[in-house]
Amino acid sequence: MEKRILVVDDEIEVTEYLKLELEECSRDWRVICKNSGYEALREIMEGNIDLLLTDIAMPDMDGYELYARIKELNEKIPIIMMTGFGYDPNHAVVKSRKAGLQDVIFKPFDIKKLFEMIKKRMQE
């Protein structure tokens, strides 16, 4: 059965790269790309998203605000956050975990590691 992954990043090159790589990793995955938090929220409200892979730092709505809005909608979508800021205890990992998110991956990332994170979250 096809699983729908929503990839959100304000950098078009990142979303295009992830679409190619993830759809190559599994033929059962359909990757939908959006370049803003607002576009992503509209897609989520339309339904049928199995996993959200989103950047943290975006100009219009960051990943944390997107997560908060998803919670307000009572959506139970597994979420993986991406960040290009590297390890900073005051930023990505600590802030994400305080918000209730467990999975954060740093850019540039190992696509195999990301693939494993996605597979794990899809099985939960």
PDB file of N, CA and C in Angstrom:
ATOM      1  N   MET A   1       0.839  -1.179   0.000  1.00  0.00           N
ATOM      2  CA  MET A   1       0.000   0.000   0.000  1.00  0.00           C
ATOM      3  C   MET A   1       0.888   1.248   0.000  1.00  0.00           C
ATOM      4  N   GLU A   2       0.548   2.181  -0.829  1.00  0.00           N
ATOM      5  CA  GLU A   2       1.342   3.403  -0.965  1.00  0.00           C
ATOM      6  C   GLU A   2       1.229   4.291   0.271  1.00  0.00           C
ATOM      7  N   LYS A   3       2.375   4.782   0.720  1.00  0.00           N
ATOM      8  CA  LYS A   3       2.438   5.722   1.842  1.00  0.00           C
ATOM      9  C   LYS A   3       2.796   7.092   1.299  1.00  0.00           C
ATOM     10  N   ARG A   4       2.146   8.114   1.830  1.00  0.00           N
ATOM     11  CA  ARG A   4       2.379   9.486   1.366  1.00  0.00           C
ATOM     12  C   ARG A   4       3.239  10.245   2.373  1.00  0.00           C
ATOM     13  N   ILE A   5       4.391  10.711   1.895  1.00  0.00           N
ATOM     14  CA  ILE A   5       5.322  11.480   2.716  1.00  0.00           C
ATOM     15  C   ILE A   5       5.288  12.921   2.238  1.00  0.00           C
ATOM     16  N   LEU A   6       5.041  13.825   3.163  1.00  0.00           N
ATOM     17  CA  LEU A   6       5.047  15.252   2.849  1.00  0.00           C
ATOM     18  C   LEU A   6       6.400  15.819   3.266  1.00  0.00           C
ATOM     19  N   VAL A   7       7.140  16.352   2.295  1.00  0.00           N
ATOM     20  CA  VAL A   7       8.449  16.961   2.541  1.00  0.00           C
ATOM     21  C   VAL A   7       8.292  18.470   2.434  1.00  0.00           C
ATOM     22  N   VAL A   8       8.725  19.193   3.483  1.00  0.00           N
ATOM     23  CA  VAL A   8       8.565  20.645   3.519  1.00  0.00           C
ATOM     24  C   VAL A   8       9.921  21.295   3.784  1.00  0.00           C
ATOM     25  N   ASP A   9      10.327  22.153   2.867  1.00  0.00           N
ATOM     26  CA  ASP A   9      11.565  22.920   3.023  1.00  0.00           C
ATOM     27  C   ASP A   9      11.453  24.120   2.104  1.00  0.00           C
ATOM     28  N   ASP A  10      11.915  25.278   2.570  1.00  0.00           N
ATOM     29  CA  ASP A  10      11.845  26.470   1.731  1.00  0.00           C
ATOM     30  C   ASP A  10      12.890  26.450   0.620  1.00  0.00           C
ATOM     31  N   GLU A  11      13.822  25.507   0.668  1.00  0.00           N
ATOM     32  CA  GLU A  11      14.812  25.360  -0.398  1.00  0.00           C
ATOM     33  C   GLU A  11      14.323  24.299  -1.378  1.00  0.00           C
ATOM     34  N   ILE A  12      13.955  24.733  -2.567  1.00  0.00           N
ATOM     35  CA  ILE A  12      13.398  23.831  -3.580  1.00  0.00           C
ATOM     36  C   ILE A  12      14.355  22.697  -3.912  1.00  0.00           C
ATOM     37  N   GLU A  13      15.658  22.984  -3.922  1.00  0.00           N
ATOM     38  CA  GLU A  13      16.648  21.953  -4.234  1.00  0.00           C
ATOM     39  C   GLU A  13      16.581  20.803  -3.230  1.00  0.00           C
ATOM     40  N   VAL A  14      16.326  21.121  -1.980  1.00  0.00           N
ATOM     41  CA  VAL A  14      16.245  20.094  -0.937  1.00  0.00           C
ATOM     42  C   VAL A  14      15.018  19.215  -1.162  1.00  0.00           C
ATOM     43  N   THR A  15      13.870  19.823  -1.416  1.00  0.00           N
ATOM     44  CA  THR A  15      12.659  19.019  -1.612  1.00  0.00           C
ATOM     45  C   THR A  15      12.773  18.150  -2.867  1.00  0.00           C
ATOM     46  N   GLU A  16      13.342  18.692  -3.938  1.00  0.00           N
ATOM     47  CA  GLU A  16      13.504  17.908  -5.166  1.00  0.00           C
ATOM     48  C   GLU A  16      14.453  16.733  -4.947  1.00  0.00           C
ATOM     49  N   TYR A  17      15.558  16.990  -4.241  1.00  0.00           N
ATOM     50  CA  TYR A  17      16.527  15.929  -3.940  1.00  0.00           C
ATOM     51  C   TYR A  17      15.869  14.826  -3.113  1.00  0.00           C
ATOM     52  N   LEU A  18      15.150  15.220  -2.070  1.00  0.00           N
ATOM     53  CA  LEU A  18      14.515  14.229  -1.205  1.00  0.00           C
ATOM     54  C   LEU A  18      13.450  13.431  -1.941  1.00  0.00           C
ATOM     55  N   LYS A  19      12.697  14.074  -2.795  1.00  0.00           N
ATOM     56  CA  LYS A  19      11.687  13.357  -3.584  1.00  0.00           C
ATOM     57  C   LYS A  19      12.342  12.251  -4.411  1.00  0.00           C
ATOM     58  N   LEU A  20      13.402  12.603  -5.128  1.00  0.00           N
ATOM     59  CA  LEU A  20      14.104  11.613  -5.955  1.00  0.00           C
ATOM     60  C   LEU A  20      14.660  10.473  -5.111  1.00  0.00           C
ATOM     61  N   GLU A  21      15.366  10.813  -4.042  1.00  0.00           N
ATOM     62  CA  GLU A  21      16.015   9.797  -3.211  1.00  0.00           C
ATOM     63  C   GLU A  21      15.007   8.900  -2.494  1.00  0.00           C
ATOM     64  N   LEU A  22      13.990   9.484  -1.904  1.00  0.00           N
ATOM     65  CA  LEU A  22      13.042   8.692  -1.125  1.00  0.00           C
ATOM     66  C   LEU A  22      12.180   7.797  -2.000  1.00  0.00           C
ATOM     67  N   GLU A  23      11.762   8.300  -3.151  1.00  0.00           N
ATOM     68  CA  GLU A  23      10.963   7.455  -4.040  1.00  0.00           C
ATOM     69  C   GLU A  23      11.811   6.337  -4.633  1.00  0.00           C
ATOM     70  N   GLU A  24      13.118   6.556  -4.718  1.00  0.00           N
ATOM     71  CA  GLU A  24      14.013   5.495  -5.171  1.00  0.00           C
ATOM     72  C   GLU A  24      14.235   4.465  -4.062  1.00  0.00           C
ATOM     73  N   CYS A  25      14.234   4.909  -2.813  1.00  0.00           N
ATOM     74  CA  CYS A  25      14.426   4.006  -1.665  1.00  0.00           C
ATOM     75  C   CYS A  25      13.281   3.011  -1.535  1.00  0.00           C
ATOM     76  N   SER A  26      12.069   3.466  -1.808  1.00  0.00           N
ATOM     77  CA  SER A  26      10.912   2.587  -1.683  1.00  0.00           C
ATOM     78  C   SER A  26       9.864   2.948  -2.727  1.00  0.00           C
ATOM     79  N   ARG A  27       9.481   1.965  -3.484  1.00  0.00           N
ATOM     80  CA  ARG A  27       8.451   2.185  -4.508  1.00  0.00           C
ATOM     81  C   ARG A  27       7.065   2.357  -3.874  1.00  0.00           C
ATOM     82  N   ASP A  28       6.970   2.068  -2.588  1.00  0.00           N
ATOM     83  CA  ASP A  28       5.696   2.211  -1.876  1.00  0.00           C
ATOM     84  C   ASP A  28       5.486   3.616  -1.332  1.00  0.00           C
ATOM     85  N   TRP A  29       6.449   4.496  -1.538  1.00  0.00           N
ATOM     86  CA  TRP A  29       6.347   5.855  -1.020  1.00  0.00           C
ATOM     87  C   TRP A  29       6.057   6.842  -2.133  1.00  0.00           C
ATOM     88  N   ARG A  30       5.075   7.684  -1.887  1.00  0.00           N
ATOM     89  CA  ARG A  30       4.801   8.807  -2.790  1.00  0.00           C
ATOM     90  C   ARG A  30       5.175  10.068  -2.029  1.00  0.00           C
ATOM     91  N   VAL A  31       6.083  10.851  -2.586  1.00  0.00           N
ATOM     92  CA  VAL A  31       6.581  12.042  -1.907  1.00  0.00           C
ATOM     93  C   VAL A  31       5.919  13.279  -2.497  1.00  0.00           C
ATOM     94  N   ILE A  32       5.323  14.073  -1.613  1.00  0.00           N
ATOM     95  CA  ILE A  32       4.696  15.343  -1.987  1.00  0.00           C
ATOM     96  C   ILE A  32       5.581  16.442  -1.417  1.00  0.00           C
ATOM     97  N   CYS A  33       5.918  17.421  -2.229  1.00  0.00           N
ATOM     98  CA  CYS A  33       6.821  18.495  -1.798  1.00  0.00           C
ATOM     99  C   CYS A  33       6.084  19.821  -1.683  1.00  0.00           C
ATOM    100  N   LYS A  34       6.356  20.513  -0.599  1.00  0.00           N
ATOM    101  CA  LYS A  34       5.843  21.866  -0.389  1.00  0.00           C
ATOM    102  C   LYS A  34       7.001  22.730   0.083  1.00  0.00           C
ATOM    103  N   ASN A  35       6.918  24.027  -0.219  1.00  0.00           N
ATOM    104  CA  ASN A  35       8.031  24.918   0.095  1.00  0.00           C
ATOM    105  C   ASN A  35       7.704  25.955   1.162  1.00  0.00           C
ATOM    106  N   SER A  36       6.608  25.747   1.886  1.00  0.00           N
ATOM    107  CA  SER A  36       6.297  26.631   3.013  1.00  0.00           C
ATOM    108  C   SER A  36       5.415  25.884   4.006  1.00  0.00           C
ATOM    109  N   GLY A  37       5.437  26.368   5.231  1.00  0.00           N
ATOM    110  CA  GLY A  37       4.603  25.778   6.265  1.00  0.00           C
ATOM    111  C   GLY A  37       3.121  25.902   5.961  1.00  0.00           C
ATOM    112  N   TYR A  38       2.726  27.027   5.378  1.00  0.00           N
ATOM    113  CA  TYR A  38       1.310  27.230   5.047  1.00  0.00           C
ATOM    114  C   TYR A  38       0.846  26.255   3.972  1.00  0.00           C
ATOM    115  N   GLU A  39       1.684  26.040   2.945  1.00  0.00           N
ATOM    116  CA  GLU A  39       1.339  25.061   1.905  1.00  0.00           C
ATOM    117  C   GLU A  39       1.215  23.668   2.520  1.00  0.00           C
ATOM    118  N   ALA A  40       2.124  23.346   3.424  1.00  0.00           N
ATOM    119  CA  ALA A  40       2.105  22.037   4.079  1.00  0.00           C
ATOM    120  C   ALA A  40       0.837  21.859   4.906  1.00  0.00           C
ATOM    121  N   LEU A  41       0.469  22.878   5.644  1.00  0.00           N
ATOM    122  CA  LEU A  41      -0.726  22.806   6.481  1.00  0.00           C
ATOM    123  C   LEU A  41      -1.971  22.568   5.629  1.00  0.00           C
ATOM    124  N   ARG A  42      -2.059  23.242   4.500  1.00  0.00           N
ATOM    125  CA  ARG A  42      -3.203  23.014   3.586  1.00  0.00           C
ATOM    126  C   ARG A  42      -3.225  21.561   3.110  1.00  0.00           C
ATOM    127  N   GLU A  43      -2.067  21.034   2.758  1.00  0.00           N
ATOM    128  CA  GLU A  43      -1.977  19.645   2.296  1.00  0.00           C
ATOM    129  C   GLU A  43      -2.404  18.684   3.409  1.00  0.00           C
ATOM    130  N   ILE A  44      -1.966  18.937   4.617  1.00  0.00           N
ATOM    131  CA  ILE A  44      -2.316  18.085   5.759  1.00  0.00           C
ATOM    132  C   ILE A  44      -3.813  18.138   6.027  1.00  0.00           C
ATOM    133  N   MET A  45      -4.411  19.308   5.920  1.00  0.00           N
ATOM    134  CA  MET A  45      -5.850  19.453   6.157  1.00  0.00           C
ATOM    135  C   MET A  45      -6.671  18.713   5.104  1.00  0.00           C
ATOM    136  N   GLU A  46      -6.101  18.535   3.917  1.00  0.00           N
ATOM    137  CA  GLU A  46      -6.786  17.760   2.879  1.00  0.00           C
ATOM    138  C   GLU A  46      -6.723  16.265   3.171  1.00  0.00           C
ATOM    139  N   GLY A  47      -5.813  15.862   4.048  1.00  0.00           N
ATOM    140  CA  GLY A  47      -5.761  14.478   4.522  1.00  0.00           C
ATOM    141  C   GLY A  47      -4.808  13.569   3.784  1.00  0.00           C
ATOM    142  N   ASN A  48      -4.746  12.339   4.313  1.00  0.00           N
ATOM    143  CA  ASN A  48      -3.984  11.250   3.717  1.00  0.00           C
ATOM    144  C   ASN A  48      -2.474  11.454   3.677  1.00  0.00           C
ATOM    145  N   ILE A  49      -1.907  12.070   4.700  1.00  0.00           N
ATOM    146  CA  ILE A  49      -0.457  12.168   4.823  1.00  0.00           C
ATOM    147  C   ILE A  49      -0.035  11.165   5.890  1.00  0.00           C
ATOM    148  N   ASP A  50       0.932  10.324   5.558  1.00  0.00           N
ATOM    149  CA  ASP A  50       1.373   9.284   6.486  1.00  0.00           C
ATOM    150  C   ASP A  50       2.590   9.689   7.308  1.00  0.00           C
ATOM    151  N   LEU A  51       3.368  10.656   6.813  1.00  0.00           N
ATOM    152  CA  LEU A  51       4.547  11.122   7.540  1.00  0.00           C
ATOM    153  C   LEU A  51       4.916  12.508   7.040  1.00  0.00           C
ATOM    154  N   LEU A  52       5.366  13.346   7.968  1.00  0.00           N
ATOM    155  CA  LEU A  52       5.811  14.697   7.630  1.00  0.00           C
ATOM    156  C   LEU A  52       7.300  14.804   7.900  1.00  0.00           C
ATOM    157  N   LEU A  53       8.047  15.240   6.898  1.00  0.00           N
ATOM    158  CA  LEU A  53       9.477  15.519   7.012  1.00  0.00           C
ATOM    159  C   LEU A  53       9.631  17.002   6.736  1.00  0.00           C
ATOM    160  N   THR A  54       9.935  17.787   7.783  1.00  0.00           N
ATOM    161  CA  THR A  54       9.933  19.233   7.618  1.00  0.00           C
ATOM    162  C   THR A  54      11.203  19.887   8.131  1.00  0.00           C
ATOM    163  N   ASP A  55      11.593  20.937   7.448  1.00  0.00           N
ATOM    164  CA  ASP A  55      12.696  21.769   7.909  1.00  0.00           C
ATOM    165  C   ASP A  55      12.219  22.533   9.139  1.00  0.00           C
ATOM    166  N   ILE A  56      13.152  22.906   9.994  1.00  0.00           N
ATOM    167  CA  ILE A  56      12.795  23.720  11.157  1.00  0.00           C
ATOM    168  C   ILE A  56      12.739  25.188  10.773  1.00  0.00           C
ATOM    169  N   ALA A  57      13.802  25.682  10.151  1.00  0.00           N
ATOM    170  CA  ALA A  57      13.908  27.120   9.864  1.00  0.00           C
ATOM    171  C   ALA A  57      13.351  27.433   8.480  1.00  0.00           C
ATOM    172  N   MET A  58      12.172  28.034   8.474  1.00  0.00           N
ATOM    173  CA  MET A  58      11.554  28.482   7.227  1.00  0.00           C
ATOM    174  C   MET A  58      11.012  29.881   7.472  1.00  0.00           C
ATOM    175  N   PRO A  59      10.951  30.712   6.437  1.00  0.00           N
ATOM    176  CA  PRO A  59      10.602  32.119   6.643  1.00  0.00           C
ATOM    177  C   PRO A  59       9.165  32.402   7.078  1.00  0.00           C
ATOM    178  N   ASP A  60       8.196  31.693   6.555  1.00  0.00           N
ATOM    179  CA  ASP A  60       6.805  32.059   6.860  1.00  0.00           C
ATOM    180  C   ASP A  60       6.255  31.379   8.108  1.00  0.00           C
ATOM    181  N   MET A  61       6.500  30.112   8.240  1.00  0.00           N
ATOM    182  CA  MET A  61       6.042  29.332   9.388  1.00  0.00           C
ATOM    183  C   MET A  61       7.112  28.280   9.636  1.00  0.00           C
ATOM    184  N   ASP A  62       7.758  28.332  10.788  1.00  0.00           N
ATOM    185  CA  ASP A  62       8.828  27.361  11.017  1.00  0.00           C
ATOM    186  C   ASP A  62       8.247  25.993  11.376  1.00  0.00           C
ATOM    187  N   GLY A  63       9.122  25.008  11.454  1.00  0.00           N
ATOM    188  CA  GLY A  63       8.689  23.645  11.727  1.00  0.00           C
ATOM    189  C   GLY A  63       7.984  23.479  13.060  1.00  0.00           C
ATOM    190  N   TYR A  64       8.400  24.247  14.072  1.00  0.00           N
ATOM    191  CA  TYR A  64       7.751  24.158  15.383  1.00  0.00           C
ATOM    192  C   TYR A  64       6.316  24.686  15.329  1.00  0.00           C
ATOM    193  N   GLU A  65       6.112  25.786  14.626  1.00  0.00           N
ATOM    194  CA  GLU A  65       4.755  26.327  14.494  1.00  0.00           C
ATOM    195  C   GLU A  65       3.882  25.375  13.680  1.00  0.00           C
ATOM    196  N   LEU A  66       4.451  24.791  12.634  1.00  0.00           N
ATOM    197  CA  LEU A  66       3.717  23.813  11.838  1.00  0.00           C
ATOM    198  C   LEU A  66       3.294  22.642  12.727  1.00  0.00           C
ATOM    199  N   TYR A  67       4.204  22.157  13.543  1.00  0.00           N
ATOM    200  CA  TYR A  67       3.900  21.066  14.475  1.00  0.00           C
ATOM    201  C   TYR A  67       2.772  21.460  15.432  1.00  0.00           C
ATOM    202  N   ALA A  68       2.839  22.671  15.985  1.00  0.00           N
ATOM    203  CA  ALA A  68       1.800  23.142  16.912  1.00  0.00           C
ATOM    204  C   ALA A  68       0.440  23.196  16.224  1.00  0.00           C
ATOM    205  N   ARG A  69       0.412  23.644  15.000  1.00  0.00           N
ATOM    206  CA  ARG A  69      -0.871  23.727  14.271  1.00  0.00           C
ATOM    207  C   ARG A  69      -1.419  22.342  13.953  1.00  0.00           C
ATOM    208  N   ILE A  70      -0.532  21.413  13.651  1.00  0.00           N
ATOM    209  CA  ILE A  70      -0.964  20.037  13.396  1.00  0.00           C
ATOM    210  C   ILE A  70      -1.586  19.457  14.665  1.00  0.00           C
ATOM    211  N   LYS A  71      -0.964  19.702  15.809  1.00  0.00           N
ATOM    212  CA  LYS A  71      -1.519  19.233  17.087  1.00  0.00           C
ATOM    213  C   LYS A  71      -2.891  19.841  17.342  1.00  0.00           C
ATOM    214  N   GLU A  72      -3.066  21.141  17.025  1.00  0.00           N
ATOM    215  CA  GLU A  72      -4.367  21.797  17.200  1.00  0.00           C
ATOM    216  C   GLU A  72      -5.448  21.118  16.369  1.00  0.00           C
ATOM    217  N   LEU A  73      -5.069  20.607  15.207  1.00  0.00           N
ATOM    218  CA  LEU A  73      -6.013  19.913  14.329  1.00  0.00           C
ATOM    219  C   LEU A  73      -6.274  18.481  14.792  1.00  0.00           C
ATOM    220  N   ASN A  74      -5.548  18.046  15.823  1.00  0.00           N
ATOM    221  CA  ASN A  74      -5.652  16.689  16.344  1.00  0.00           C
ATOM    222  C   ASN A  74      -5.165  15.642  15.354  1.00  0.00           C
ATOM    223  N   GLU A  75      -4.272  16.020  14.486  1.00  0.00           N
ATOM    224  CA  GLU A  75      -3.700  15.086  13.521  1.00  0.00           C
ATOM    225  C   GLU A  75      -2.618  14.256  14.204  1.00  0.00           C
ATOM    226  N   LYS A  76      -2.575  12.990  13.906  1.00  0.00           N
ATOM    227  CA  LYS A  76      -1.594  12.069  14.490  1.00  0.00           C
ATOM    228  C   LYS A  76      -0.592  11.634  13.418  1.00  0.00           C
ATOM    229  N   ILE A  77       0.131  12.583  12.890  1.00  0.00           N
ATOM    230  CA  ILE A  77       1.082  12.313  11.817  1.00  0.00           C
ATOM    231  C   ILE A  77       2.485  12.208  12.414  1.00  0.00           C
ATOM    232  N   PRO A  78       3.218  11.125  12.124  1.00  0.00           N
ATOM    233  CA  PRO A  78       4.611  11.069  12.557  1.00  0.00           C
ATOM    234  C   PRO A  78       5.399  12.205  11.888  1.00  0.00           C
ATOM    235  N   ILE A  79       6.289  12.836  12.670  1.00  0.00           N
ATOM    236  CA  ILE A  79       7.029  13.991  12.162  1.00  0.00           C
ATOM    237  C   ILE A  79       8.520  13.807  12.401  1.00  0.00           C
ATOM    238  N   ILE A  80       9.302  14.104  11.372  1.00  0.00           N
ATOM    239  CA  ILE A  80      10.759  14.160  11.472  1.00  0.00           C
ATOM    240  C   ILE A  80      11.162  15.577  11.102  1.00  0.00           C
ATOM    241  N   MET A  81      11.937  16.208  11.977  1.00  0.00           N
ATOM    242  CA  MET A  81      12.420  17.568  11.733  1.00  0.00           C
ATOM    243  C   MET A  81      13.817  17.522  11.116  1.00  0.00           C
ATOM    244  N   MET A  82      14.078  18.457  10.209  1.00  0.00           N
ATOM    245  CA  MET A  82      15.405  18.611   9.606  1.00  0.00           C
ATOM    246  C   MET A  82      15.943  19.981   9.985  1.00  0.00           C
ATOM    247  N   THR A  83      17.255  20.058  10.182  1.00  0.00           N
ATOM    248  CA  THR A  83      17.866  21.353  10.449  1.00  0.00           C
ATOM    249  C   THR A  83      19.255  21.433   9.838  1.00  0.00           C
ATOM    250  N   GLY A  84      19.586  22.598   9.352  1.00  0.00           N
ATOM    251  CA  GLY A  84      20.911  22.849   8.802  1.00  0.00           C
ATOM    252  C   GLY A  84      21.810  23.565   9.784  1.00  0.00           C
ATOM    253  N   PHE A  85      21.333  23.743  11.017  1.00  0.00           N
ATOM    254  CA  PHE A  85      22.104  24.490  12.007  1.00  0.00           C
ATOM    255  C   PHE A  85      23.147  23.653  12.723  1.00  0.00           C
ATOM    256  N   GLY A  86      23.165  22.340  12.497  1.00  0.00           N
ATOM    257  CA  GLY A  86      24.120  21.504  13.201  1.00  0.00           C
ATOM    258  C   GLY A  86      23.719  21.347  14.656  1.00  0.00           C
ATOM    259  N   TYR A  87      24.582  20.740  15.426  1.00  0.00           N
ATOM    260  CA  TYR A  87      24.231  20.499  16.824  1.00  0.00           C
ATOM    261  C   TYR A  87      24.374  21.770  17.639  1.00  0.00           C
ATOM    262  N   ASP A  88      23.289  22.168  18.225  1.00  0.00           N
ATOM    263  CA  ASP A  88      23.237  23.314  19.123  1.00  0.00           C
ATOM    264  C   ASP A  88      22.221  22.943  20.199  1.00  0.00           C
ATOM    265  N   PRO A  89      22.675  22.723  21.442  1.00  0.00           N
ATOM    266  CA  PRO A  89      21.756  22.246  22.475  1.00  0.00           C
ATOM    267  C   PRO A  89      20.581  23.169  22.750  1.00  0.00           C
ATOM    268  N   ASN A  90      20.695  24.424  22.382  1.00  0.00           N
ATOM    269  CA  ASN A  90      19.583  25.350  22.594  1.00  0.00           C
ATOM    270  C   ASN A  90      18.652  25.409  21.394  1.00  0.00           C
ATOM    271  N   HIS A  91      18.966  24.678  20.378  1.00  0.00           N
ATOM    272  CA  HIS A  91      18.155  24.781  19.172  1.00  0.00           C
ATOM    273  C   HIS A  91      17.456  23.467  18.866  1.00  0.00           C
ATOM    274  N   ALA A  92      17.976  22.724  17.962  1.00  0.00           N
ATOM    275  CA  ALA A  92      17.248  21.635  17.330  1.00  0.00           C
ATOM    276  C   ALA A  92      16.800  20.503  18.245  1.00  0.00           C
ATOM    277  N   VAL A  93      17.730  19.745  18.779  1.00  0.00           N
ATOM    278  CA  VAL A  93      17.346  18.537  19.492  1.00  0.00           C
ATOM    279  C   VAL A  93      16.588  18.855  20.777  1.00  0.00           C
ATOM    280  N   VAL A  94      17.144  19.698  21.610  1.00  0.00           N
ATOM    281  CA  VAL A  94      16.510  20.005  22.894  1.00  0.00           C
ATOM    282  C   VAL A  94      15.151  20.660  22.684  1.00  0.00           C
ATOM    283  N   LYS A  95      15.095  21.660  21.826  1.00  0.00           N
ATOM    284  CA  LYS A  95      13.833  22.364  21.582  1.00  0.00           C
ATOM    285  C   LYS A  95      12.788  21.419  20.985  1.00  0.00           C
ATOM    286  N   SER A  96      13.207  20.555  20.069  1.00  0.00           N
ATOM    287  CA  SER A  96      12.276  19.605  19.454  1.00  0.00           C
ATOM    288  C   SER A  96      11.727  18.634  20.484  1.00  0.00           C
ATOM    289  N   ARG A  97      12.592  18.124  21.326  1.00  0.00           N
ATOM    290  CA  ARG A  97      12.135  17.156  22.330  1.00  0.00           C
ATOM    291  C   ARG A  97      11.219  17.812  23.355  1.00  0.00           C
ATOM    292  N   LYS A  98      11.509  19.056  23.702  1.00  0.00           N
ATOM    293  CA  LYS A  98      10.622  19.776  24.624  1.00  0.00           C
ATOM    294  C   LYS A  98       9.242  19.960  24.004  1.00  0.00           C
ATOM    295  N   ALA A  99       9.205  20.103  22.686  1.00  0.00           N
ATOM    296  CA  ALA A  99       7.929  20.271  21.985  1.00  0.00           C
ATOM    297  C   ALA A  99       7.197  18.941  21.810  1.00  0.00           C
ATOM    298  N   GLY A 100       7.873  17.828  22.113  1.00  0.00           N
ATOM    299  CA  GLY A 100       7.244  16.520  21.983  1.00  0.00           C
ATOM    300  C   GLY A 100       7.675  15.742  20.756  1.00  0.00           C
ATOM    301  N   LEU A 101       8.679  16.220  20.058  1.00  0.00           N
ATOM    302  CA  LEU A 101       9.176  15.548  18.857  1.00  0.00           C
ATOM    303  C   LEU A 101      10.427  14.750  19.195  1.00  0.00           C
ATOM    304  N   GLN A 102      10.532  13.566  18.651  1.00  0.00           N
ATOM    305  CA  GLN A 102      11.679  12.711  18.953  1.00  0.00           C
ATOM    306  C   GLN A 102      12.738  12.698  17.857  1.00  0.00           C
ATOM    307  N   ASP A 103      12.339  12.870  16.627  1.00  0.00           N
ATOM    308  CA  ASP A 103      13.266  12.684  15.515  1.00  0.00           C
ATOM    309  C   ASP A 103      13.716  14.002  14.905  1.00  0.00           C
ATOM    310  N   VAL A 104      15.033  14.223  14.949  1.00  0.00           N
ATOM    311  CA  VAL A 104      15.651  15.383  14.307  1.00  0.00           C
ATOM    312  C   VAL A 104      16.844  14.863  13.524  1.00  0.00           C
ATOM    313  N   ILE A 105      16.980  15.309  12.282  1.00  0.00           N
ATOM    314  CA  ILE A 105      18.127  14.922  11.468  1.00  0.00           C
ATOM    315  C   ILE A 105      18.818  16.193  10.986  1.00  0.00           C
ATOM    316  N   PHE A 106      20.143  16.157  10.986  1.00  0.00           N
ATOM    317  CA  PHE A 106      20.930  17.327  10.619  1.00  0.00           C
ATOM    318  C   PHE A 106      21.329  17.285   9.152  1.00  0.00           C
ATOM    319  N   LYS A 107      21.247  18.441   8.498  1.00  0.00           N
ATOM    320  CA  LYS A 107      21.708  18.587   7.115  1.00  0.00           C
ATOM    321  C   LYS A 107      23.193  18.933   7.138  1.00  0.00           C
ATOM    322  N   PRO A 108      23.981  18.483   6.217  1.00  0.00           N
ATOM    323  CA  PRO A 108      23.617  17.468   5.220  1.00  0.00           C
ATOM    324  C   PRO A 108      23.474  16.110   5.904  1.00  0.00           C
ATOM    325  N   PHE A 109      22.497  15.351   5.490  1.00  0.00           N
ATOM    326  CA  PHE A 109      22.224  14.094   6.166  1.00  0.00           C
ATOM    327  C   PHE A 109      22.588  12.896   5.303  1.00  0.00           C
ATOM    328  N   ASP A 110      22.728  11.793   5.978  1.00  0.00           N
ATOM    329  CA  ASP A 110      22.970  10.504   5.347  1.00  0.00           C
ATOM    330  C   ASP A 110      21.596   9.977   4.924  1.00  0.00           C
ATOM    331  N   ILE A 111      21.386   9.821   3.640  1.00  0.00           N
ATOM    332  CA  ILE A 111      20.069   9.413   3.137  1.00  0.00           C
ATOM    333  C   ILE A 111      19.667   8.040   3.678  1.00  0.00           C
ATOM    334  N   LYS A 112      20.648   7.164   3.913  1.00  0.00           N
ATOM    335  CA  LYS A 112      20.331   5.843   4.476  1.00  0.00           C
ATOM    336  C   LYS A 112      19.799   5.973   5.902  1.00  0.00           C
ATOM    337  N   LYS A 113      20.390   6.867   6.674  1.00  0.00           N
ATOM    338  CA  LYS A 113      19.913   7.099   8.043  1.00  0.00           C
ATOM    339  C   LYS A 113      18.496   7.672   8.012  1.00  0.00           C
ATOM    340  N   LEU A 114      18.250   8.616   7.116  1.00  0.00           N
ATOM    341  CA  LEU A 114      16.912   9.190   6.984  1.00  0.00           C
ATOM    342  C   LEU A 114      15.913   8.120   6.571  1.00  0.00           C
ATOM    343  N   PHE A 115      16.288   7.282   5.622  1.00  0.00           N
ATOM    344  CA  PHE A 115      15.436   6.188   5.167  1.00  0.00           C
ATOM    345  C   PHE A 115      15.049   5.288   6.348  1.00  0.00           C
ATOM    346  N   GLU A 116      16.020   4.952   7.191  1.00  0.00           N
ATOM    347  CA  GLU A 116      15.743   4.100   8.352  1.00  0.00           C
ATOM    348  C   GLU A 116      14.815   4.795   9.349  1.00  0.00           C
ATOM    349  N   MET A 117      15.020   6.095   9.559  1.00  0.00           N
ATOM    350  CA  MET A 117      14.133   6.846  10.460  1.00  0.00           C
ATOM    351  C   MET A 117      12.698   6.812   9.942  1.00  0.00           C
ATOM    352  N   ILE A 118      12.542   7.022   8.648  1.00  0.00           N
ATOM    353  CA  ILE A 118      11.205   7.029   8.048  1.00  0.00           C
ATOM    354  C   ILE A 118      10.560   5.655   8.167  1.00  0.00           C
ATOM    355  N   LYS A 119      11.305   4.611   7.832  1.00  0.00           N
ATOM    356  CA  LYS A 119      10.763   3.246   7.941  1.00  0.00           C
ATOM    357  C   LYS A 119      10.296   2.956   9.362  1.00  0.00           C
ATOM    358  N   LYS A 120      11.113   3.334  10.331  1.00  0.00           N
ATOM    359  CA  LYS A 120      10.764   3.101  11.740  1.00  0.00           C
ATOM    360  C   LYS A 120       9.476   3.829  12.105  1.00  0.00           C
ATOM    361  N   ARG A 121       9.367   5.083  11.728  1.00  0.00           N
ATOM    362  CA  ARG A 121       8.171   5.869  12.067  1.00  0.00           C
ATOM    363  C   ARG A 121       6.931   5.355  11.340  1.00  0.00           C
ATOM    364  N   MET A 122       7.087   4.849  10.140  1.00  0.00           N
ATOM    365  CA  MET A 122       5.948   4.317   9.376  1.00  0.00           C
ATOM    366  C   MET A 122       5.397   3.044  10.021  1.00  0.00           C
ATOM    367  N   GLN A 123       6.265   2.313  10.726  1.00  0.00           N
ATOM    368  CA  GLN A 123       5.844   1.048  11.339  1.00  0.00           C
ATOM    369  C   GLN A 123       5.173   1.241  12.689  1.00  0.00           C
ATOM    370  N   GLU A 124       5.300   2.422  13.283  1.00  0.00           N
ATOM    371  CA  GLU A 124       4.716   2.669  14.613  1.00  0.00           C
ATOM    372  C   GLU A 124       3.212   2.809  14.546  1.00  0.00           C
TER     373      GLU A 124
END
